[in-house]
Amino acid sequence: MNRLVLSARLVERGNIRFTPAGVPALDLRLLHESELSEDGQLRRISMEIKALAIGTVTQSVGALDLSACAVFAGFLAQARNGRGMLFHITSLS
């Protein structure tokens, strides 16, 4: 199963663009910060992740203010350039 749910802050949002099929797409950068336990040790996590919203979810993501926190859900896929991963957002809460 390829499912990711991430609490994050919106730190960068591109302009809405359209796929060749006319579907809206929005490139984003999200920042996640938390403290988790790993093998009994507290670990501080801070990471940025590239994300992409396609279709109707672009309206919800586009309405968020920069620095707004939300819970983003979706899946991971290879980035368009073949280097690294891209978080495809399918829902927002």
Protein backbone atom coordinates (compact mmCIF):
# COMPACT_ATOMS: atom_id res chain seq x y z
CA MET A 1 0.00 0.00 0.00
CA ASN A 2 1.27 3.47 -0.88
CA ARG A 3 -0.52 5.95 1.40
CA LEU A 4 0.94 8.97 3.19
CA VAL A 5 -0.82 11.19 5.73
CA LEU A 6 1.31 14.12 6.83
CA SER A 7 0.70 17.04 9.15
CA ALA A 8 2.62 19.90 7.59
CA ARG A 9 2.87 23.62 6.98
CA LEU A 10 2.57 25.08 3.48
CA VAL A 11 5.84 26.92 2.80
CA GLU A 12 5.74 27.39 -0.97
CA ARG A 13 3.01 27.31 -3.61
CA GLY A 14 3.44 27.76 -7.33
CA ASN A 15 0.88 29.16 -9.71
CA ILE A 16 -1.93 26.96 -10.91
CA ARG A 17 -1.01 25.37 -14.21
CA PHE A 18 -2.91 22.95 -16.41
CA THR A 19 -1.98 19.51 -17.67
CA PRO A 20 -2.24 18.79 -21.42
CA ALA A 21 -5.69 17.32 -20.63
CA GLY A 22 -6.76 20.65 -19.08
CA VAL A 23 -6.69 19.43 -15.45
CA PRO A 24 -5.46 22.00 -12.88
CA ALA A 25 -2.16 21.22 -11.12
CA LEU A 26 -0.37 22.99 -8.28
CA ASP A 27 3.25 22.50 -7.18
CA LEU A 28 3.92 22.88 -3.45
CA ARG A 29 6.58 22.55 -0.80
CA LEU A 30 5.54 21.37 2.66
CA LEU A 31 7.41 21.50 5.98
CA HIS A 32 6.83 18.83 8.62
CA GLU A 33 8.18 19.22 12.16
CA SER A 34 7.58 16.83 15.05
CA GLU A 35 9.16 14.85 17.86
CA LEU A 36 8.96 11.06 17.68
CA SER A 37 10.30 8.14 19.65
CA GLU A 38 12.75 5.90 17.80
CA ASP A 39 14.10 2.88 19.66
CA GLY A 40 13.27 4.53 22.97
CA GLN A 41 15.03 7.79 22.07
CA LEU A 42 13.25 11.07 21.39
CA ARG A 43 14.04 12.34 17.91
CA ARG A 44 13.22 15.76 16.46
CA ILE A 45 12.08 15.60 12.84
CA SER A 46 12.19 18.56 10.47
CA MET A 47 11.85 17.94 6.74
CA GLU A 48 10.64 19.60 3.59
CA ILE A 49 8.89 17.61 0.91
CA LYS A 50 7.89 18.50 -2.65
CA ALA A 51 4.21 17.94 -3.30
CA LEU A 52 1.73 18.12 -6.15
CA ALA A 53 -2.03 18.64 -6.13
CA ILE A 54 -3.96 17.70 -9.27
CA GLY A 55 -7.65 18.13 -10.02
CA THR A 56 -10.32 19.31 -7.60
CA VAL A 57 -8.01 19.24 -4.56
CA THR A 58 -6.13 22.22 -6.07
CA GLN A 59 -9.04 24.45 -4.97
CA SER A 60 -8.65 23.48 -1.30
CA VAL A 61 -4.86 23.68 -1.36
CA GLY A 62 -4.93 26.93 -3.31
CA ALA A 63 -7.18 28.51 -0.67
CA LEU A 64 -4.64 27.84 2.12
CA ASP A 65 -2.58 30.77 3.33
CA LEU A 66 1.19 30.36 3.19
CA SER A 67 2.40 29.06 6.57
CA ALA A 68 -1.01 27.42 7.18
CA CYS A 69 -0.89 23.99 8.83
CA ALA A 70 -3.06 21.14 7.58
CA VAL A 71 -3.18 17.37 7.28
CA PHE A 72 -2.36 16.32 3.72
CA ALA A 73 -3.13 12.80 2.46
CA GLY A 74 -2.06 11.10 -0.73
CA PHE A 75 0.66 8.86 -2.14
CA LEU A 76 4.35 8.95 -3.08
CA ALA A 77 5.56 8.67 -6.67
CA GLN A 78 8.74 9.31 -8.57
CA ALA A 79 9.29 12.97 -9.47
CA ARG A 80 8.77 14.00 -13.10
CA ASN A 81 12.50 14.38 -13.67
CA GLY A 82 13.10 10.86 -12.32
CA ARG A 83 15.09 12.14 -9.34
CA GLY A 84 13.58 11.79 -5.88
CA MET A 85 10.03 11.39 -4.71
CA LEU A 86 6.97 13.57 -5.06
CA PHE A 87 4.02 13.59 -2.64
CA HIS A 88 0.78 13.57 -4.67
CA ILE A 89 -1.93 15.15 -2.53
CA THR A 90 -5.39 13.65 -2.92
CA SER A 91 -7.15 15.18 0.10
CA LEU A 92 -6.75 17.86 2.72
CA SER A 93 -8.15 18.29 6.22
